[in-house]
Amino acid sequence: MAQLKVTQVRSPIGGTREQRDSLRSLGLHRIGDTVIKDDRPEFRGMIQAVRHLVTVEEVQ
């Protein structure tokens, strides 16, 4: 299964509660944090909610 490398590049200050919750659920706490998640619809939805705050790369 493919995996996604998600890195937080911007602050959630000024964002909505949903955006802050999505970052926490992904395991991101501060700028520069990186997590590896399975490429599943649940994670894709969270990433979509904060797409302007993170960068995403596919990992083999």
N, C-alpha and C. Protein backbone atom coordinates (compact mmCIF):
# COMPACT_ATOMS: atom_id res chain seq x y z
N MET A 1 0.84 -1.18 0.00
CA MET A 1 0.00 0.00 0.00
C MET A 1 0.89 1.24 0.00
N ALA A 2 0.49 2.23 -0.78
CA ALA A 2 1.24 3.48 -0.84
C ALA A 2 1.10 4.23 0.48
N GLN A 3 2.07 5.06 0.75
CA GLN A 3 2.03 5.87 1.95
C GLN A 3 2.25 7.33 1.59
N LEU A 4 1.79 8.21 2.45
CA LEU A 4 1.92 9.64 2.24
C LEU A 4 2.78 10.25 3.34
N LYS A 5 3.72 11.09 2.93
CA LYS A 5 4.55 11.83 3.88
C LYS A 5 3.95 13.23 3.97
N VAL A 6 3.45 13.58 5.15
CA VAL A 6 2.76 14.85 5.37
C VAL A 6 3.61 15.73 6.28
N THR A 7 3.92 16.94 5.82
CA THR A 7 4.73 17.87 6.60
C THR A 7 3.97 19.17 6.80
N GLN A 8 3.89 19.62 8.04
CA GLN A 8 3.23 20.89 8.33
C GLN A 8 4.18 22.03 7.98
N VAL A 9 3.72 22.97 7.16
CA VAL A 9 4.57 24.08 6.74
C VAL A 9 4.03 25.44 7.16
N ARG A 10 2.78 25.50 7.63
CA ARG A 10 2.19 26.76 8.08
C ARG A 10 1.46 26.55 9.39
N SER A 11 1.24 27.66 10.09
CA SER A 11 0.57 27.62 11.39
C SER A 11 -0.95 27.59 11.23
N PRO A 12 -1.65 26.87 12.13
CA PRO A 12 -3.12 26.85 12.08
C PRO A 12 -3.77 28.05 12.77
N ILE A 13 -2.96 28.99 13.26
CA ILE A 13 -3.53 30.17 13.92
C ILE A 13 -4.43 30.90 12.93
N GLY A 14 -5.63 31.20 13.36
CA GLY A 14 -6.59 31.87 12.50
C GLY A 14 -7.44 30.90 11.70
N GLY A 15 -7.13 29.61 11.81
CA GLY A 15 -7.91 28.60 11.11
C GLY A 15 -9.13 28.18 11.90
N THR A 16 -9.93 27.33 11.30
CA THR A 16 -11.14 26.86 11.97
C THR A 16 -10.81 25.72 12.93
N ARG A 17 -11.78 25.39 13.77
CA ARG A 17 -11.63 24.28 14.71
C ARG A 17 -11.39 22.97 13.93
N GLU A 18 -12.10 22.79 12.83
CA GLU A 18 -11.94 21.58 12.01
C GLU A 18 -10.50 21.45 11.50
N GLN A 19 -9.90 22.55 11.08
CA GLN A 19 -8.53 22.49 10.59
C GLN A 19 -7.55 22.13 11.70
N ARG A 20 -7.72 22.75 12.87
CA ARG A 20 -6.83 22.43 14.00
C ARG A 20 -7.00 20.97 14.42
N ASP A 21 -8.24 20.49 14.46
CA ASP A 21 -8.50 19.10 14.82
C ASP A 21 -7.90 18.13 13.81
N SER A 22 -7.98 18.48 12.54
CA SER A 22 -7.41 17.62 11.50
C SER A 22 -5.90 17.51 11.64
N LEU A 23 -5.24 18.63 11.93
CA LEU A 23 -3.78 18.58 12.13
C LEU A 23 -3.43 17.69 13.31
N ARG A 24 -4.15 17.82 14.41
CA ARG A 24 -3.88 17.00 15.59
C ARG A 24 -4.13 15.52 15.30
N SER A 25 -5.20 15.23 14.58
CA SER A 25 -5.53 13.84 14.25
C SER A 25 -4.48 13.21 13.35
N LEU A 26 -3.87 14.04 12.51
CA LEU A 26 -2.79 13.55 11.66
C LEU A 26 -1.49 13.35 12.45
N GLY A 27 -1.42 13.94 13.64
CA GLY A 27 -0.22 13.81 14.47
C GLY A 27 0.76 14.96 14.28
N LEU A 28 0.27 16.07 13.73
CA LEU A 28 1.13 17.24 13.51
C LEU A 28 0.89 18.25 14.62
N HIS A 29 1.97 18.72 15.24
CA HIS A 29 1.85 19.62 16.38
C HIS A 29 2.50 20.98 16.15
N ARG A 30 3.52 21.03 15.31
CA ARG A 30 4.21 22.30 15.07
C ARG A 30 4.77 22.32 13.65
N ILE A 31 5.13 23.50 13.21
CA ILE A 31 5.69 23.66 11.87
C ILE A 31 6.97 22.82 11.78
N GLY A 32 7.09 22.07 10.70
CA GLY A 32 8.25 21.22 10.48
C GLY A 32 8.02 19.77 10.87
N ASP A 33 6.96 19.49 11.59
CA ASP A 33 6.64 18.10 11.95
C ASP A 33 6.27 17.31 10.69
N THR A 34 6.71 16.06 10.64
CA THR A 34 6.43 15.18 9.51
C THR A 34 5.90 13.86 10.03
N VAL A 35 4.89 13.33 9.37
CA VAL A 35 4.34 12.02 9.69
C VAL A 35 4.16 11.23 8.40
N ILE A 36 4.19 9.92 8.53
CA ILE A 36 3.93 9.02 7.40
C ILE A 36 2.61 8.32 7.68
N LYS A 37 1.67 8.44 6.77
CA LYS A 37 0.35 7.84 6.92
C LYS A 37 0.03 6.98 5.70
N ASP A 38 -0.78 5.94 5.92
CA ASP A 38 -1.25 5.12 4.80
C ASP A 38 -2.14 5.96 3.91
N ASP A 39 -2.11 5.65 2.62
CA ASP A 39 -2.94 6.38 1.65
C ASP A 39 -4.35 5.80 1.69
N ARG A 40 -5.16 6.30 2.64
CA ARG A 40 -6.53 5.83 2.82
C ARG A 40 -7.47 7.02 2.77
N PRO A 41 -8.74 6.79 2.46
CA PRO A 41 -9.69 7.89 2.33
C PRO A 41 -9.82 8.75 3.59
N GLU A 42 -9.70 8.14 4.77
CA GLU A 42 -9.82 8.90 6.02
C GLU A 42 -8.71 9.96 6.11
N PHE A 43 -7.49 9.56 5.79
CA PHE A 43 -6.36 10.48 5.87
C PHE A 43 -6.42 11.50 4.74
N ARG A 44 -6.86 11.07 3.56
CA ARG A 44 -6.99 12.00 2.43
C ARG A 44 -7.97 13.12 2.78
N GLY A 45 -9.06 12.80 3.47
CA GLY A 45 -10.03 13.81 3.87
C GLY A 45 -9.45 14.81 4.84
N MET A 46 -8.68 14.33 5.82
CA MET A 46 -8.05 15.23 6.78
C MET A 46 -7.03 16.14 6.08
N ILE A 47 -6.27 15.55 5.16
CA ILE A 47 -5.27 16.33 4.42
C ILE A 47 -5.96 17.38 3.56
N GLN A 48 -7.09 17.02 2.95
CA GLN A 48 -7.84 17.96 2.12
C GLN A 48 -8.30 19.17 2.93
N ALA A 49 -8.66 18.95 4.20
CA ALA A 49 -9.14 20.04 5.05
C ALA A 49 -8.04 21.04 5.39
N VAL A 50 -6.78 20.59 5.36
CA VAL A 50 -5.65 21.46 5.73
C VAL A 50 -4.61 21.55 4.61
N ARG A 51 -5.06 21.40 3.39
CA ARG A 51 -4.13 21.35 2.25
C ARG A 51 -3.27 22.60 2.12
N HIS A 52 -3.74 23.74 2.63
CA HIS A 52 -2.98 24.98 2.55
C HIS A 52 -1.95 25.09 3.68
N LEU A 53 -1.98 24.17 4.63
CA LEU A 53 -1.05 24.21 5.77
C LEU A 53 0.02 23.13 5.69
N VAL A 54 -0.11 22.19 4.77
CA VAL A 54 0.80 21.04 4.72
C VAL A 54 1.30 20.83 3.28
N THR A 55 2.41 20.07 3.19
CA THR A 55 2.85 19.54 1.91
C THR A 55 2.75 18.04 1.99
N VAL A 56 2.45 17.40 0.87
CA VAL A 56 2.25 15.96 0.83
C VAL A 56 3.11 15.36 -0.27
N GLU A 57 3.82 14.27 0.07
CA GLU A 57 4.61 13.54 -0.90
C GLU A 57 4.24 12.07 -0.80
N GLU A 58 4.29 11.38 -1.92
CA GLU A 58 4.02 9.95 -1.91
C GLU A 58 5.31 9.20 -1.62
N VAL A 59 5.25 8.22 -0.74
CA VAL A 59 6.41 7.42 -0.35
C VAL A 59 6.16 5.99 -0.81
N GLN A 60 7.17 5.40 -1.39
CA GLN A 60 7.03 4.01 -1.86
C GLN A 60 7.32 3.01 -0.76
